[in-house]
PDB file of all heavy atoms in Angstrom:
ATOM      1  N   VAL A   1     125.551 123.033 120.648  1.00  0.00           N
ATOM      2  CA  VAL A   1     126.247 123.697 119.559  1.00  0.00           C
ATOM      3  C   VAL A   1     126.933 124.954 120.081  1.00  0.00           C
ATOM      4  O   VAL A   1     126.244 125.678 120.889  1.00  0.00           O
ATOM      5  CB  VAL A   1     125.356 124.007 118.407  1.00  0.00           C
ATOM      6  CG1 VAL A   1     126.127 124.983 117.410  1.00  0.00           C
ATOM      7  CG2 VAL A   1     124.933 122.753 117.681  1.00  0.00           C
ATOM      8  N   GLU A   2     128.168 125.148 119.707  1.00  0.00           N
ATOM      9  CA  GLU A   2     128.888 126.478 119.919  1.00  0.00           C
ATOM     10  C   GLU A   2     129.411 126.873 118.685  1.00  0.00           C
ATOM     11  O   GLU A   2     129.989 126.162 117.974  1.00  0.00           O
ATOM     12  CB  GLU A   2     129.919 126.225 121.030  1.00  0.00           C
ATOM     13  CG  GLU A   2     129.538 125.838 122.447  1.00  0.00           C
ATOM     14  CD  GLU A   2     130.626 125.645 123.407  1.00  0.00           C
ATOM     15  OE1 GLU A   2     131.817 126.013 123.049  1.00  0.00           O
ATOM     16  OE2 GLU A   2     130.441 124.945 124.424  1.00  0.00           O
ATOM     17  N   VAL A   3     129.419 128.287 118.365  1.00  0.00           N
ATOM     18  CA  VAL A   3     129.978 128.761 117.135  1.00  0.00           C
ATOM     19  C   VAL A   3     130.746 130.154 117.596  1.00  0.00           C
ATOM     20  O   VAL A   3     130.484 130.767 118.507  1.00  0.00           O
ATOM     21  CB  VAL A   3     129.034 129.166 115.978  1.00  0.00           C
ATOM     22  CG1 VAL A   3     128.244 127.920 115.716  1.00  0.00           C
ATOM     23  CG2 VAL A   3     128.135 130.261 116.438  1.00  0.00           C
ATOM     24  N   ASN A   4     131.821 130.284 116.792  1.00  0.00           N
ATOM     25  CA  ASN A   4     132.510 131.611 116.829  1.00  0.00           C
ATOM     26  C   ASN A   4     132.726 132.090 115.392  1.00  0.00           C
ATOM     27  O   ASN A   4     133.455 131.500 114.643  1.00  0.00           O
ATOM     28  CB  ASN A   4     133.900 131.314 117.612  1.00  0.00           C
ATOM     29  CG  ASN A   4     134.852 132.603 117.519  1.00  0.00           C
ATOM     30  OD1 ASN A   4     134.426 133.628 117.161  1.00  0.00           O
ATOM     31  ND2 ASN A   4     136.119 132.363 118.073  1.00  0.00           N
ATOM     32  N   LEU A   5     132.056 133.158 115.123  1.00  0.00           N
ATOM     33  CA  LEU A   5     132.051 133.639 113.722  1.00  0.00           C
ATOM     34  C   LEU A   5     133.463 134.190 113.408  1.00  0.00           C
ATOM     35  O   LEU A   5     133.830 134.329 112.113  1.00  0.00           O
ATOM     36  CB  LEU A   5     131.050 134.715 113.509  1.00  0.00           C
ATOM     37  CG  LEU A   5     129.612 134.374 113.804  1.00  0.00           C
ATOM     38  CD1 LEU A   5     128.701 135.531 113.343  1.00  0.00           C
ATOM     39  CD2 LEU A   5     129.197 133.084 112.916  1.00  0.00           C
ATOM     40  N   ASP A   6     134.245 134.585 114.376  1.00  0.00           N
ATOM     41  CA  ASP A   6     135.621 135.175 114.131  1.00  0.00           C
ATOM     42  C   ASP A   6     136.736 134.178 114.413  1.00  0.00           C
ATOM     43  O   ASP A   6     137.738 134.527 114.843  1.00  0.00           O
ATOM     44  CB  ASP A   6     135.709 136.461 114.930  1.00  0.00           C
ATOM     45  CG  ASP A   6     134.632 137.413 114.703  1.00  0.00           C
ATOM     46  OD1 ASP A   6     134.417 137.734 113.391  1.00  0.00           O
ATOM     47  OD2 ASP A   6     133.881 137.815 115.613  1.00  0.00           O
ATOM     48  N   GLY A   7     136.418 132.994 114.150  1.00  0.00           N
ATOM     49  CA  GLY A   7     137.347 131.798 114.469  1.00  0.00           C
ATOM     50  C   GLY A   7     138.353 131.525 113.424  1.00  0.00           C
ATOM     51  O   GLY A   7     138.634 132.388 112.637  1.00  0.00           O
ATOM     52  N   THR A   8     138.868 130.400 113.429  1.00  0.00           N
ATOM     53  CA  THR A   8     139.877 129.860 112.486  1.00  0.00           C
ATOM     54  C   THR A   8     139.504 128.719 111.653  1.00  0.00           C
ATOM     55  O   THR A   8     140.301 128.121 111.027  1.00  0.00           O
ATOM     56  CB  THR A   8     141.268 129.614 113.255  1.00  0.00           C
ATOM     57  OG1 THR A   8     141.011 128.539 114.155  1.00  0.00           O
ATOM     58  CG2 THR A   8     141.758 130.852 114.049  1.00  0.00           C
ATOM     59  N   GLY A   9     138.261 128.257 112.039  1.00  0.00           N
ATOM     60  CA  GLY A   9     137.809 127.000 111.268  1.00  0.00           C
ATOM     61  C   GLY A   9     138.146 125.755 112.132  1.00  0.00           C
ATOM     62  O   GLY A   9     138.132 124.712 111.606  1.00  0.00           O
ATOM     63  N   ALA A  10     138.204 125.904 113.462  1.00  0.00           N
ATOM     64  CA  ALA A  10     138.349 124.801 114.304  1.00  0.00           C
ATOM     65  C   ALA A  10     137.061 124.165 114.480  1.00  0.00           C
ATOM     66  O   ALA A  10     136.034 124.761 114.614  1.00  0.00           O
ATOM     67  CB  ALA A  10     139.017 125.292 115.634  1.00  0.00           C
ATOM     68  N   TYR A  11     136.954 122.783 114.688  1.00  0.00           N
ATOM     69  CA  TYR A  11     135.727 122.093 114.698  1.00  0.00           C
ATOM     70  C   TYR A  11     135.920 120.898 115.656  1.00  0.00           C
ATOM     71  O   TYR A  11     136.962 120.257 115.923  1.00  0.00           O
ATOM     72  CB  TYR A  11     135.305 121.679 113.382  1.00  0.00           C
ATOM     73  CG  TYR A  11     136.296 120.775 112.620  1.00  0.00           C
ATOM     74  CD1 TYR A  11     136.472 119.434 112.901  1.00  0.00           C
ATOM     75  CD2 TYR A  11     137.052 121.377 111.639  1.00  0.00           C
ATOM     76  CE1 TYR A  11     137.357 118.715 112.131  1.00  0.00           C
ATOM     77  CE2 TYR A  11     137.896 120.741 110.860  1.00  0.00           C
ATOM     78  CZ  TYR A  11     138.151 119.366 111.158  1.00  0.00           C
ATOM     79  OH  TYR A  11     139.153 118.651 110.458  1.00  0.00           O
ATOM     80  N   ASP A  12     134.773 120.573 116.282  1.00  0.00           N
ATOM     81  CA  ASP A  12     134.584 119.370 117.137  1.00  0.00           C
ATOM     82  C   ASP A  12     133.187 118.943 116.851  1.00  0.00           C
ATOM     83  O   ASP A  12     132.251 119.430 117.507  1.00  0.00           O
ATOM     84  CB  ASP A  12     134.802 119.748 118.586  1.00  0.00           C
ATOM     85  CG  ASP A  12     134.678 118.485 119.566  1.00  0.00           C
ATOM     86  OD1 ASP A  12     134.327 117.384 119.037  1.00  0.00           O
ATOM     87  OD2 ASP A  12     134.738 118.768 120.823  1.00  0.00           O
ATOM     88  N   VAL A  13     133.073 117.871 116.008  1.00  0.00           N
ATOM     89  CA  VAL A  13     131.769 117.555 115.479  1.00  0.00           C
ATOM     90  C   VAL A  13     131.480 116.030 115.673  1.00  0.00           C
ATOM     91  O   VAL A  13     132.248 115.179 115.381  1.00  0.00           O
ATOM     92  CB  VAL A  13     131.573 117.820 114.013  1.00  0.00           C
ATOM     93  CG1 VAL A  13     130.223 117.396 113.514  1.00  0.00           C
ATOM     94  CG2 VAL A  13     131.846 119.248 113.748  1.00  0.00           C
ATOM     95  N   SER A  14     130.293 115.795 116.306  1.00  0.00           N
ATOM     96  CA  SER A  14     129.876 114.356 116.510  1.00  0.00           C
ATOM     97  C   SER A  14     128.408 114.268 116.375  1.00  0.00           C
ATOM     98  O   SER A  14     127.630 114.604 117.284  1.00  0.00           O
ATOM     99  CB  SER A  14     130.425 113.934 117.949  1.00  0.00           C
ATOM    100  OG  SER A  14     129.906 112.479 118.117  1.00  0.00           O
ATOM    101  N   THR A  15     127.966 113.852 115.258  1.00  0.00           N
ATOM    102  CA  THR A  15     126.441 113.648 115.086  1.00  0.00           C
ATOM    103  C   THR A  15     125.931 112.185 115.084  1.00  0.00           C
ATOM    104  O   THR A  15     124.750 111.968 115.233  1.00  0.00           O
ATOM    105  CB  THR A  15     126.115 114.212 113.702  1.00  0.00           C
ATOM    106  OG1 THR A  15     126.590 113.446 112.591  1.00  0.00           O
ATOM    107  CG2 THR A  15     126.613 115.683 113.518  1.00  0.00           C
ATOM    108  N   GLY A  16     126.895 111.307 115.032  1.00  0.00           N
ATOM    109  CA  GLY A  16     126.587 109.882 114.888  1.00  0.00           C
ATOM    110  C   GLY A  16     126.405 109.449 113.428  1.00  0.00           C
ATOM    111  O   GLY A  16     126.191 108.257 113.189  1.00  0.00           O
ATOM    112  N   ILE A  17     126.585 110.369 112.482  1.00  0.00           N
ATOM    113  CA  ILE A  17     126.532 110.030 111.089  1.00  0.00           C
ATOM    114  C   ILE A  17     127.888 110.542 110.502  1.00  0.00           C
ATOM    115  O   ILE A  17     128.166 111.666 110.357  1.00  0.00           O
ATOM    116  CB  ILE A  17     125.398 110.786 110.369  1.00  0.00           C
ATOM    117  CG1 ILE A  17     123.993 110.437 111.058  1.00  0.00           C
ATOM    118  CG2 ILE A  17     125.258 110.373 108.887  1.00  0.00           C
ATOM    119  CD1 ILE A  17     122.849 111.359 110.531  1.00  0.00           C
ATOM    120  N   GLY A  18     128.713 109.600 110.142  1.00  0.00           N
ATOM    121  CA  GLY A  18     130.120 109.879 109.788  1.00  0.00           C
ATOM    122  C   GLY A  18     130.137 110.936 108.605  1.00  0.00           C
ATOM    123  O   GLY A  18     130.941 111.876 108.554  1.00  0.00           O
ATOM    124  N   PHE A  19     129.523 110.713 107.542  1.00  0.00           N
ATOM    125  CA  PHE A  19     129.516 111.644 106.414  1.00  0.00           C
ATOM    126  C   PHE A  19     129.051 113.057 106.678  1.00  0.00           C
ATOM    127  O   PHE A  19     129.509 114.009 106.282  1.00  0.00           O
ATOM    128  CB  PHE A  19     128.725 110.947 105.167  1.00  0.00           C
ATOM    129  CG  PHE A  19     129.158 111.837 103.920  1.00  0.00           C
ATOM    130  CD1 PHE A  19     130.282 111.523 103.149  1.00  0.00           C
ATOM    131  CD2 PHE A  19     128.318 112.772 103.430  1.00  0.00           C
ATOM    132  CE1 PHE A  19     130.500 112.138 101.964  1.00  0.00           C
ATOM    133  CE2 PHE A  19     128.664 113.451 102.284  1.00  0.00           C
ATOM    134  CZ  PHE A  19     129.776 113.123 101.513  1.00  0.00           C
ATOM    135  N   LEU A  20     127.934 113.137 107.568  1.00  0.00           N
ATOM    136  CA  LEU A  20     127.406 114.424 107.975  1.00  0.00           C
ATOM    137  C   LEU A  20     128.494 115.108 108.869  1.00  0.00           C
ATOM    138  O   LEU A  20     128.769 116.342 108.620  1.00  0.00           O
ATOM    139  CB  LEU A  20     126.135 114.250 108.815  1.00  0.00           C
ATOM    140  CG  LEU A  20     125.539 115.613 109.302  1.00  0.00           C
ATOM    141  CD1 LEU A  20     125.226 116.490 108.084  1.00  0.00           C
ATOM    142  CD2 LEU A  20     124.321 115.263 110.082  1.00  0.00           C
ATOM    143  N   ASP A  21     129.199 114.443 109.662  1.00  0.00           N
ATOM    144  CA  ASP A  21     130.308 114.969 110.493  1.00  0.00           C
ATOM    145  C   ASP A  21     131.325 115.571 109.451  1.00  0.00           C
ATOM    146  O   ASP A  21     131.829 116.799 109.686  1.00  0.00           O
ATOM    147  CB  ASP A  21     131.052 113.993 111.329  1.00  0.00           C
ATOM    148  CG  ASP A  21     130.205 113.460 112.547  1.00  0.00           C
ATOM    149  OD1 ASP A  21     129.110 113.895 112.691  1.00  0.00           O
ATOM    150  OD2 ASP A  21     130.700 112.561 113.088  1.00  0.00           O
ATOM    151  N   HIS A  22     131.716 114.829 108.450  1.00  0.00           N
ATOM    152  CA  HIS A  22     132.656 115.284 107.543  1.00  0.00           C
ATOM    153  C   HIS A  22     132.224 116.562 106.863  1.00  0.00           C
ATOM    154  O   HIS A  22     133.135 117.507 106.560  1.00  0.00           O
ATOM    155  CB  HIS A  22     132.864 114.174 106.478  1.00  0.00           C
ATOM    156  CG  HIS A  22     133.898 114.514 105.401  1.00  0.00           C
ATOM    157  ND1 HIS A  22     135.128 115.041 105.653  1.00  0.00           N
ATOM    158  CD2 HIS A  22     133.828 114.269 103.963  1.00  0.00           C
ATOM    159  CE1 HIS A  22     135.823 115.046 104.548  1.00  0.00           C
ATOM    160  NE2 HIS A  22     135.074 114.566 103.562  1.00  0.00           N
ATOM    161  N   MET A  23     130.998 116.742 106.428  1.00  0.00           N
ATOM    162  CA  MET A  23     130.452 117.878 105.810  1.00  0.00           C
ATOM    163  C   MET A  23     130.448 119.042 106.662  1.00  0.00           C
ATOM    164  O   MET A  23     130.770 120.191 106.277  1.00  0.00           O
ATOM    165  CB  MET A  23     129.029 117.536 105.179  1.00  0.00           C
ATOM    166  CG  MET A  23     129.090 116.627 104.013  1.00  0.00           C
ATOM    167  SD  MET A  23     130.041 117.085 102.569  1.00  0.00           S
ATOM    168  CE  MET A  23     131.558 116.066 102.872  1.00  0.00           C
ATOM    169  N   ILE A  24     129.943 118.892 107.958  1.00  0.00           N
ATOM    170  CA  ILE A  24     129.971 119.985 108.908  1.00  0.00           C
ATOM    171  C   ILE A  24     131.322 120.465 109.191  1.00  0.00           C
ATOM    172  O   ILE A  24     131.671 121.737 109.304  1.00  0.00           O
ATOM    173  CB  ILE A  24     129.193 119.593 110.114  1.00  0.00           C
ATOM    174  CG1 ILE A  24     127.661 119.398 109.770  1.00  0.00           C
ATOM    175  CG2 ILE A  24     129.408 120.716 111.210  1.00  0.00           C
ATOM    176  CD1 ILE A  24     126.927 118.790 110.993  1.00  0.00           C
ATOM    177  N   GLU A  25     132.330 119.559 109.221  1.00  0.00           N
ATOM    178  CA  GLU A  25     133.735 119.949 109.377  1.00  0.00           C
ATOM    179  C   GLU A  25     134.216 120.683 108.242  1.00  0.00           C
ATOM    180  O   GLU A  25     135.007 121.652 108.429  1.00  0.00           O
ATOM    181  CB  GLU A  25     134.604 118.670 109.689  1.00  0.00           C
ATOM    182  CG  GLU A  25     134.357 117.934 110.899  1.00  0.00           C
ATOM    183  CD  GLU A  25     134.919 116.473 110.984  1.00  0.00           C
ATOM    184  OE1 GLU A  25     135.350 115.978 109.924  1.00  0.00           O
ATOM    185  OE2 GLU A  25     134.715 115.745 112.010  1.00  0.00           O
ATOM    186  N   GLN A  26     133.868 120.231 107.043  1.00  0.00           N
ATOM    187  CA  GLN A  26     134.169 121.003 105.796  1.00  0.00           C
ATOM    188  C   GLN A  26     133.641 122.570 105.874  1.00  0.00           C
ATOM    189  O   GLN A  26     134.328 123.487 105.545  1.00  0.00           O
ATOM    190  CB  GLN A  26     133.671 120.417 104.499  1.00  0.00           C
ATOM    191  CG  GLN A  26     134.420 119.052 104.206  1.00  0.00           C
ATOM    192  CD  GLN A  26     135.948 119.209 104.002  1.00  0.00           C
ATOM    193  OE1 GLN A  26     136.301 120.264 103.580  1.00  0.00           O
ATOM    194  NE2 GLN A  26     136.600 118.053 104.208  1.00  0.00           N
ATOM    195  N   PHE A  27     132.392 122.612 106.349  1.00  0.00           N
ATOM    196  CA  PHE A  27     131.727 123.980 106.479  1.00  0.00           C
ATOM    197  C   PHE A  27     132.492 124.752 107.412  1.00  0.00           C
ATOM    198  O   PHE A  27     132.844 126.005 107.161  1.00  0.00           O
ATOM    199  CB  PHE A  27     130.313 123.745 106.961  1.00  0.00           C
ATOM    200  CG  PHE A  27     129.616 125.032 107.288  1.00  0.00           C
ATOM    201  CD1 PHE A  27     129.561 126.034 106.352  1.00  0.00           C
ATOM    202  CD2 PHE A  27     128.992 125.301 108.489  1.00  0.00           C
ATOM    203  CE1 PHE A  27     129.029 127.270 106.745  1.00  0.00           C
ATOM    204  CE2 PHE A  27     128.392 126.386 108.838  1.00  0.00           C
ATOM    205  CZ  PHE A  27     128.319 127.446 107.974  1.00  0.00           C
ATOM    206  N   SER A  28     132.880 124.218 108.621  1.00  0.00           N
ATOM    207  CA  SER A  28     133.672 124.986 109.619  1.00  0.00           C
ATOM    208  C   SER A  28     135.011 125.350 109.043  1.00  0.00           C
ATOM    209  O   SER A  28     135.392 126.548 109.178  1.00  0.00           O
ATOM    210  CB  SER A  28     133.836 124.129 110.838  1.00  0.00           C
ATOM    211  OG  SER A  28     134.628 124.827 111.768  1.00  0.00           O
TER     212      SER A  28
END
């Protein structure tokens, strides 16, 4: 995992669970 609190909401998510990816992307 990498995070940048001062970012722009860019994401690169792959958990193996499609809906969880979608929710973490929404969070980002």
